[in-house]
């Protein structure tokens, strides 16, 4: 898509600050850079809004990916309707091609194409941590190398460690960690982890055994206040 050009009269428009408008445009296939130009806002702000929406609703990204990446449809019209299973393996095929070409899993800042794959891999990591990634998909991703990073093969141990770190923080400070990079930068990792557990609990994706542990170790963890 070409970068938009604005007339002198159009240049008088005010910036569009509506994140819902940004997400709507992105969901219709408009690239982040074009949304930023049209709305007169920083591209980083639009990208951050997209990332947060993906965190809240990973399935939203799956739908957007098909629009932005535009994979080739089969010639036979009877097979045009894609299943989620087919979409997943198409993602995987592109990831495999990337690893074969670059020798590693894509990083967030490599390129725009790599950013799309990076988000998809992050979604698989979240599913793996939640115990919802199927064995065949896990095996396929494992064949590509260290796709989970430090969590590979030890997701449960990492989860237990984070739980203990949050418990210790709660015991020492009398409150749960806060996500505020400016005022509380040391709490970021724990705040993100706890926020993720709350999100999974709200969506019904938190494993029952983990929910039980959280309730036992961190009374009131589903709220945001101190004890």
C-alpha atoms as a PDB file:
ATOM      1  CA  UNK A   1       0.000   0.000   0.000  1.00  0.00           C
ATOM      2  CA  UNK A   2       1.387   3.425  -0.980  1.00  0.00           C
ATOM      3  CA  UNK A   3       2.070   6.028   1.664  1.00  0.00           C
ATOM      4  CA  UNK A   4      -0.790   8.559   1.776  1.00  0.00           C
ATOM      5  CA  UNK A   5      -0.306  12.069   0.399  1.00  0.00           C
ATOM      6  CA  UNK A   6      -2.259  14.923   1.961  1.00  0.00           C
ATOM      7  CA  UNK A   7      -3.420  18.152   0.398  1.00  0.00           C
ATOM      8  CA  UNK A   8      -2.874  21.490   2.115  1.00  0.00           C
ATOM      9  CA  UNK A   9      -6.526  21.539   3.174  1.00  0.00           C
ATOM     10  CA  UNK A  10      -6.342  18.014   4.556  1.00  0.00           C
ATOM     11  CA  UNK A  11      -3.271  19.028   6.531  1.00  0.00           C
ATOM     12  CA  UNK A  12      -5.539  21.099   8.780  1.00  0.00           C
ATOM     13  CA  UNK A  13      -7.190  18.009  10.245  1.00  0.00           C
ATOM     14  CA  UNK A  14      -6.447  17.193  13.836  1.00  0.00           C
ATOM     15  CA  UNK A  15      -4.766  13.963  14.885  1.00  0.00           C
ATOM     16  CA  UNK A  16      -6.999  10.945  15.401  1.00  0.00           C
ATOM     17  CA  UNK A  17      -6.353   9.668  18.931  1.00  0.00           C
ATOM     18  CA  UNK A  18      -8.939   6.863  18.881  1.00  0.00           C
ATOM     19  CA  UNK A  19      -7.238   3.530  19.471  1.00  0.00           C
ATOM     20  CA  UNK A  20     -10.406   1.756  18.390  1.00  0.00           C
ATOM     21  CA  UNK A  21     -10.114   3.479  15.009  1.00  0.00           C
ATOM     22  CA  UNK A  22      -6.483   2.379  14.738  1.00  0.00           C
ATOM     23  CA  UNK A  23      -7.387  -1.222  15.547  1.00  0.00           C
ATOM     24  CA  UNK A  24     -10.296  -1.174  13.122  1.00  0.00           C
ATOM     25  CA  UNK A  25      -8.029   0.025  10.317  1.00  0.00           C
ATOM     26  CA  UNK A  26      -5.394  -2.566  11.203  1.00  0.00           C
ATOM     27  CA  UNK A  27      -8.026  -5.312  11.211  1.00  0.00           C
ATOM     28  CA  UNK A  28      -8.977  -4.220   7.666  1.00  0.00           C
ATOM     29  CA  UNK A  29      -5.411  -4.632   6.420  1.00  0.00           C
ATOM     30  CA  UNK A  30      -3.996  -1.113   6.778  1.00  0.00           C
ATOM     31  CA  UNK A  31      -0.287  -1.226   7.805  1.00  0.00           C
ATOM     32  CA  UNK A  32       0.820   0.442  11.028  1.00  0.00           C
ATOM     33  CA  UNK A  33       2.917   3.052   9.192  1.00  0.00           C
ATOM     34  CA  UNK A  34      -0.047   4.109   7.044  1.00  0.00           C
ATOM     35  CA  UNK A  35      -2.400   4.282  10.045  1.00  0.00           C
ATOM     36  CA  UNK A  36       0.124   6.523  11.811  1.00  0.00           C
ATOM     37  CA  UNK A  37       0.392   8.800   8.784  1.00  0.00           C
ATOM     38  CA  UNK A  38      -3.352   9.048   8.272  1.00  0.00           C
ATOM     39  CA  UNK A  39      -4.031   9.705  11.949  1.00  0.00           C
ATOM     40  CA  UNK A  40      -1.011  11.979  12.523  1.00  0.00           C
ATOM     41  CA  UNK A  41       0.309   9.968  15.443  1.00  0.00           C
ATOM     42  CA  UNK A  42       3.583   8.194  16.181  1.00  0.00           C
ATOM     43  CA  UNK A  43       3.916   4.748  14.639  1.00  0.00           C
ATOM     44  CA  UNK A  44       5.119   3.363  17.975  1.00  0.00           C
ATOM     45  CA  UNK A  45       1.800   4.318  19.570  1.00  0.00           C
ATOM     46  CA  UNK A  46      -0.185   2.461  16.926  1.00  0.00           C
ATOM     47  CA  UNK A  47       2.104  -0.580  17.166  1.00  0.00           C
ATOM     48  CA  UNK A  48       1.760  -0.566  20.961  1.00  0.00           C
ATOM     49  CA  UNK A  49      -2.038  -0.467  20.691  1.00  0.00           C
ATOM     50  CA  UNK A  50      -1.945  -3.414  18.282  1.00  0.00           C
ATOM     51  CA  UNK A  51       0.366  -5.379  20.591  1.00  0.00           C
ATOM     52  CA  UNK A  52      -1.929  -4.807  23.576  1.00  0.00           C
ATOM     53  CA  UNK A  53      -4.954  -5.940  21.584  1.00  0.00           C
ATOM     54  CA  UNK A  54      -3.098  -9.105  20.596  1.00  0.00           C
ATOM     55  CA  UNK A  55      -2.281  -9.718  24.266  1.00  0.00           C
ATOM     56  CA  UNK A  56      -5.972  -9.346  25.164  1.00  0.00           C
ATOM     57  CA  UNK A  57      -7.295 -11.378  22.229  1.00  0.00           C
ATOM     58  CA  UNK A  58      -4.773 -13.637  20.432  1.00  0.00           C
ATOM     59  CA  UNK A  59      -7.490 -14.889  18.073  1.00  0.00           C
ATOM     60  CA  UNK A  60      -7.827 -11.313  16.789  1.00  0.00           C
ATOM     61  CA  UNK A  61      -4.251 -11.510  15.543  1.00  0.00           C
ATOM     62  CA  UNK A  62      -4.972 -14.763  13.718  1.00  0.00           C
ATOM     63  CA  UNK A  63      -7.724 -13.016  11.777  1.00  0.00           C
ATOM     64  CA  UNK A  64      -5.575  -9.968  11.051  1.00  0.00           C
ATOM     65  CA  UNK A  65      -2.650 -12.097   9.924  1.00  0.00           C
ATOM     66  CA  UNK A  66      -4.647 -13.607   7.072  1.00  0.00           C
ATOM     67  CA  UNK A  67      -5.505 -10.102   5.849  1.00  0.00           C
ATOM     68  CA  UNK A  68      -2.034  -8.547   6.190  1.00  0.00           C
ATOM     69  CA  UNK A  69      -0.032 -11.520   4.946  1.00  0.00           C
ATOM     70  CA  UNK A  70      -2.552 -12.465   2.256  1.00  0.00           C
ATOM     71  CA  UNK A  71      -1.582 -16.133   1.762  1.00  0.00           C
ATOM     72  CA  UNK A  72      -2.441 -17.541  -1.647  1.00  0.00           C
ATOM     73  CA  UNK A  73      -5.857 -19.175  -1.841  1.00  0.00           C
ATOM     74  CA  UNK A  74      -6.318 -22.548  -3.573  1.00  0.00           C
ATOM     75  CA  UNK A  75      -7.583 -22.367  -7.142  1.00  0.00           C
ATOM     76  CA  UNK A  76     -10.526 -24.605  -6.252  1.00  0.00           C
ATOM     77  CA  UNK A  77     -13.211 -22.318  -4.835  1.00  0.00           C
ATOM     78  CA  UNK A  78     -14.664 -25.183  -2.778  1.00  0.00           C
ATOM     79  CA  UNK A  79     -11.595 -25.025  -0.532  1.00  0.00           C
ATOM     80  CA  UNK A  80     -11.469 -21.256  -0.048  1.00  0.00           C
ATOM     81  CA  UNK A  81     -12.888 -21.417   3.469  1.00  0.00           C
ATOM     82  CA  UNK A  82      -9.919 -21.896   5.790  1.00  0.00           C
ATOM     83  CA  UNK A  83     -10.061 -23.641   9.119  1.00  0.00           C
ATOM     84  CA  UNK A  84      -8.097 -22.508  12.159  1.00  0.00           C
ATOM     85  CA  UNK A  85      -6.015 -25.672  11.762  1.00  0.00           C
ATOM     86  CA  UNK A  86      -5.050 -24.734   8.201  1.00  0.00           C
ATOM     87  CA  UNK A  87      -4.249 -21.179   9.259  1.00  0.00           C
ATOM     88  CA  UNK A  88      -1.979 -22.442  12.045  1.00  0.00           C
ATOM     89  CA  UNK A  89       0.076 -24.626   9.681  1.00  0.00           C
ATOM     90  CA  UNK A  90       0.353 -21.778   7.189  1.00  0.00           C
ATOM     91  CA  UNK A  91       1.866 -19.658   9.946  1.00  0.00           C
ATOM     92  CA  UNK A  92       4.176 -22.522  10.786  1.00  0.00           C
ATOM     93  CA  UNK A  93       5.292 -22.914   7.157  1.00  0.00           C
ATOM     94  CA  UNK A  94       6.280 -19.252   7.001  1.00  0.00           C
ATOM     95  CA  UNK A  95       8.123 -19.555  10.307  1.00  0.00           C
ATOM     96  CA  UNK A  96       9.993 -22.600   9.005  1.00  0.00           C
ATOM     97  CA  UNK A  97      11.044 -20.668   5.903  1.00  0.00           C
ATOM     98  CA  UNK A  98      12.283 -17.798   8.070  1.00  0.00           C
ATOM     99  CA  UNK A  99      14.336 -20.109  10.302  1.00  0.00           C
ATOM    100  CA  UNK A 100      15.795 -21.848   7.256  1.00  0.00           C
ATOM    101  CA  UNK A 101      16.828 -18.499   5.743  1.00  0.00           C
ATOM    102  CA  UNK A 102      18.053 -16.709   8.874  1.00  0.00           C
ATOM    103  CA  UNK A 103      19.011 -19.575  11.144  1.00  0.00           C
ATOM    104  CA  UNK A 104      16.867 -18.425  14.087  1.00  0.00           C
ATOM    105  CA  UNK A 105      13.405 -17.544  15.323  1.00  0.00           C
ATOM    106  CA  UNK A 106      12.353 -14.026  14.170  1.00  0.00           C
ATOM    107  CA  UNK A 107      12.917 -11.072  16.480  1.00  0.00           C
ATOM    108  CA  UNK A 108      10.405  -8.277  17.001  1.00  0.00           C
ATOM    109  CA  UNK A 109      12.534  -5.560  15.398  1.00  0.00           C
ATOM    110  CA  UNK A 110      14.013  -7.441  12.426  1.00  0.00           C
ATOM    111  CA  UNK A 111      11.473  -6.228   9.861  1.00  0.00           C
ATOM    112  CA  UNK A 112       7.740  -5.778   9.408  1.00  0.00           C
ATOM    113  CA  UNK A 113       7.383  -9.340   8.098  1.00  0.00           C
ATOM    114  CA  UNK A 114       9.447 -10.675  11.007  1.00  0.00           C
ATOM    115  CA  UNK A 115       7.288  -8.707  13.443  1.00  0.00           C
ATOM    116  CA  UNK A 116       4.203 -10.568  12.210  1.00  0.00           C
ATOM    117  CA  UNK A 117       5.904 -13.924  12.724  1.00  0.00           C
ATOM    118  CA  UNK A 118       7.283 -12.810  16.085  1.00  0.00           C
ATOM    119  CA  UNK A 119       3.763 -12.031  17.330  1.00  0.00           C
ATOM    120  CA  UNK A 120       2.538 -15.406  16.151  1.00  0.00           C
ATOM    121  CA  UNK A 121       5.376 -17.188  17.985  1.00  0.00           C
ATOM    122  CA  UNK A 122       4.575 -15.177  21.121  1.00  0.00           C
ATOM    123  CA  UNK A 123       1.002 -16.419  20.900  1.00  0.00           C
ATOM    124  CA  UNK A 124       2.268 -20.006  20.711  1.00  0.00           C
ATOM    125  CA  UNK A 125       4.444 -19.382  23.785  1.00  0.00           C
ATOM    126  CA  UNK A 126       1.425 -18.126  25.718  1.00  0.00           C
ATOM    127  CA  UNK A 127      -0.581 -21.171  24.669  1.00  0.00           C
ATOM    128  CA  UNK A 128       2.298 -23.436  25.670  1.00  0.00           C
ATOM    129  CA  UNK A 129       2.549 -21.817  29.103  1.00  0.00           C
ATOM    130  CA  UNK A 130      -1.208 -22.187  29.530  1.00  0.00           C
ATOM    131  CA  UNK A 131      -1.055 -25.862  28.600  1.00  0.00           C
ATOM    132  CA  UNK A 132      -3.332 -25.412  25.561  1.00  0.00           C
ATOM    133  CA  UNK A 133      -0.782 -26.013  22.777  1.00  0.00           C
ATOM    134  CA  UNK A 134      -1.447 -29.445  21.278  1.00  0.00           C
ATOM    135  CA  UNK A 135       1.343 -32.074  21.307  1.00  0.00           C
ATOM    136  CA  UNK A 136       1.667 -32.159  17.501  1.00  0.00           C
ATOM    137  CA  UNK A 137       2.122 -28.385  17.346  1.00  0.00           C
ATOM    138  CA  UNK A 138       4.590 -28.424  20.221  1.00  0.00           C
ATOM    139  CA  UNK A 139       6.599 -31.148  18.500  1.00  0.00           C
ATOM    140  CA  UNK A 140       6.609 -29.221  15.216  1.00  0.00           C
ATOM    141  CA  UNK A 141       7.840 -26.034  16.908  1.00  0.00           C
ATOM    142  CA  UNK A 142      10.474 -27.953  18.878  1.00  0.00           C
ATOM    143  CA  UNK A 143      11.888 -29.160  15.551  1.00  0.00           C
ATOM    144  CA  UNK A 144      12.799 -25.555  14.716  1.00  0.00           C
ATOM    145  CA  UNK A 145      15.088 -25.179  17.720  1.00  0.00           C
ATOM    146  CA  UNK A 146      14.884 -23.052  20.847  1.00  0.00           C
ATOM    147  CA  UNK A 147      11.575 -21.334  20.091  1.00  0.00           C
ATOM    148  CA  UNK A 148      10.568 -20.875  23.754  1.00  0.00           C
ATOM    149  CA  UNK A 149      13.918 -19.452  24.846  1.00  0.00           C
ATOM    150  CA  UNK A 150      14.736 -19.868  28.536  1.00  0.00           C
ATOM    151  CA  UNK A 151      11.320 -21.439  29.118  1.00  0.00           C
ATOM    152  CA  UNK A 152      11.811 -24.390  26.784  1.00  0.00           C
ATOM    153  CA  UNK A 153      11.119 -27.694  28.479  1.00  0.00           C
ATOM    154  CA  UNK A 154      10.743 -25.933  31.822  1.00  0.00           C
ATOM    155  CA  UNK A 155       7.581 -23.845  31.563  1.00  0.00           C
ATOM    156  CA  UNK A 156       6.151 -25.243  34.798  1.00  0.00           C
ATOM    157  CA  UNK A 157       9.365 -24.477  36.710  1.00  0.00           C
ATOM    158  CA  UNK A 158       9.351 -20.898  35.423  1.00  0.00           C
ATOM    159  CA  UNK A 159       5.696 -20.495  36.410  1.00  0.00           C
ATOM    160  CA  UNK A 160       6.423 -21.795  39.912  1.00  0.00           C
ATOM    161  CA  UNK A 161       9.359 -19.419  40.245  1.00  0.00           C
ATOM    162  CA  UNK A 162       7.297 -16.424  39.201  1.00  0.00           C
ATOM    163  CA  UNK A 163       4.592 -17.414  41.670  1.00  0.00           C
ATOM    164  CA  UNK A 164       7.140 -17.544  44.482  1.00  0.00           C
ATOM    165  CA  UNK A 165       8.636 -14.197  43.430  1.00  0.00           C
ATOM    166  CA  UNK A 166       5.218 -12.543  43.483  1.00  0.00           C
ATOM    167  CA  UNK A 167       4.437 -14.182  46.843  1.00  0.00           C
ATOM    168  CA  UNK A 168       7.688 -12.854  48.281  1.00  0.00           C
ATOM    169  CA  UNK A 169       7.044  -9.389  46.861  1.00  0.00           C
ATOM    170  CA  UNK A 170       3.522  -9.417  48.318  1.00  0.00           C
ATOM    171  CA  UNK A 171       4.841 -10.557  51.714  1.00  0.00           C
ATOM    172  CA  UNK A 172       7.530  -7.849  51.781  1.00  0.00           C
ATOM    173  CA  UNK A 173       5.524  -4.892  50.444  1.00  0.00           C
ATOM    174  CA  UNK A 174       1.923  -5.711  51.400  1.00  0.00           C
ATOM    175  CA  UNK A 175       0.715  -5.196  47.835  1.00  0.00           C
ATOM    176  CA  UNK A 176       0.886  -6.769  44.408  1.00  0.00           C
ATOM    177  CA  UNK A 177       3.419  -5.552  41.787  1.00  0.00           C
ATOM    178  CA  UNK A 178       2.378  -2.577  39.686  1.00  0.00           C
ATOM    179  CA  UNK A 179       3.040  -2.128  35.981  1.00  0.00           C
ATOM    180  CA  UNK A 180       4.638   1.315  35.813  1.00  0.00           C
ATOM    181  CA  UNK A 181       7.960   1.450  33.966  1.00  0.00           C
ATOM    182  CA  UNK A 182       8.703   4.972  35.199  1.00  0.00           C
ATOM    183  CA  UNK A 183       7.913   4.718  38.923  1.00  0.00           C
ATOM    184  CA  UNK A 184       8.302   0.969  39.506  1.00  0.00           C
ATOM    185  CA  UNK A 185      10.635  -0.418  36.794  1.00  0.00           C
ATOM    186  CA  UNK A 186      11.791  -3.305  39.014  1.00  0.00           C
ATOM    187  CA  UNK A 187       8.230  -4.620  39.236  1.00  0.00           C
ATOM    188  CA  UNK A 188       7.583  -4.843  35.494  1.00  0.00           C
ATOM    189  CA  UNK A 189       8.269  -8.563  34.993  1.00  0.00           C
ATOM    190  CA  UNK A 190       6.189  -9.647  37.982  1.00  0.00           C
ATOM    191  CA  UNK A 191       3.364  -7.230  37.127  1.00  0.00           C
ATOM    192  CA  UNK A 192       3.196  -8.533  33.551  1.00  0.00           C
ATOM    193  CA  UNK A 193       3.201 -12.137  34.764  1.00  0.00           C
ATOM    194  CA  UNK A 194       0.427 -11.513  37.286  1.00  0.00           C
ATOM    195  CA  UNK A 195      -1.589  -9.549  34.748  1.00  0.00           C
ATOM    196  CA  UNK A 196      -1.328 -12.464  32.348  1.00  0.00           C
ATOM    197  CA  UNK A 197      -2.694 -14.862  34.967  1.00  0.00           C
ATOM    198  CA  UNK A 198      -5.641 -12.518  35.541  1.00  0.00           C
ATOM    199  CA  UNK A 199      -6.314 -12.355  31.810  1.00  0.00           C
ATOM    200  CA  UNK A 200      -6.221 -16.137  31.441  1.00  0.00           C
ATOM    201  CA  UNK A 201      -8.494 -16.488  34.472  1.00  0.00           C
ATOM    202  CA  UNK A 202     -10.976 -14.025  33.000  1.00  0.00           C
ATOM    203  CA  UNK A 203     -10.988 -15.856  29.655  1.00  0.00           C
ATOM    204  CA  UNK A 204     -11.261 -19.271  31.281  1.00  0.00           C
ATOM    205  CA  UNK A 205      -7.853 -20.347  29.945  1.00  0.00           C
ATOM    206  CA  UNK A 206      -5.999 -20.674  33.252  1.00  0.00           C
ATOM    207  CA  UNK A 207      -5.188 -24.258  34.170  1.00  0.00           C
ATOM    208  CA  UNK A 208      -7.255 -25.434  37.171  1.00  0.00           C
ATOM    209  CA  UNK A 209      -4.169 -26.503  39.125  1.00  0.00           C
ATOM    210  CA  UNK A 210      -2.567 -23.103  38.647  1.00  0.00           C
ATOM    211  CA  UNK A 211      -5.757 -21.319  39.618  1.00  0.00           C
ATOM    212  CA  UNK A 212      -5.835 -23.353  42.823  1.00  0.00           C
ATOM    213  CA  UNK A 213      -2.208 -22.492  43.598  1.00  0.00           C
ATOM    214  CA  UNK A 214      -2.778 -18.798  43.011  1.00  0.00           C
ATOM    215  CA  UNK A 215      -5.822 -18.779  45.267  1.00  0.00           C
ATOM    216  CA  UNK A 216      -3.897 -20.552  48.005  1.00  0.00           C
ATOM    217  CA  UNK A 217      -0.622 -18.636  47.793  1.00  0.00           C
ATOM    218  CA  UNK A 218      -1.910 -15.174  46.821  1.00  0.00           C
ATOM    219  CA  UNK A 219      -5.307 -14.451  48.397  1.00  0.00           C
ATOM    220  CA  UNK A 220      -6.980 -11.624  46.515  1.00  0.00           C
ATOM    221  CA  UNK A 221      -4.647 -11.930  43.510  1.00  0.00           C
ATOM    222  CA  UNK A 222      -7.504 -11.421  41.045  1.00  0.00           C
ATOM    223  CA  UNK A 223      -7.927  -7.850  42.267  1.00  0.00           C
ATOM    224  CA  UNK A 224      -5.424  -5.009  42.176  1.00  0.00           C
ATOM    225  CA  UNK A 225      -5.327  -3.797  45.747  1.00  0.00           C
ATOM    226  CA  UNK A 226      -2.999  -4.597  48.632  1.00  0.00           C
ATOM    227  CA  UNK A 227      -3.850  -6.969  51.414  1.00  0.00           C
END
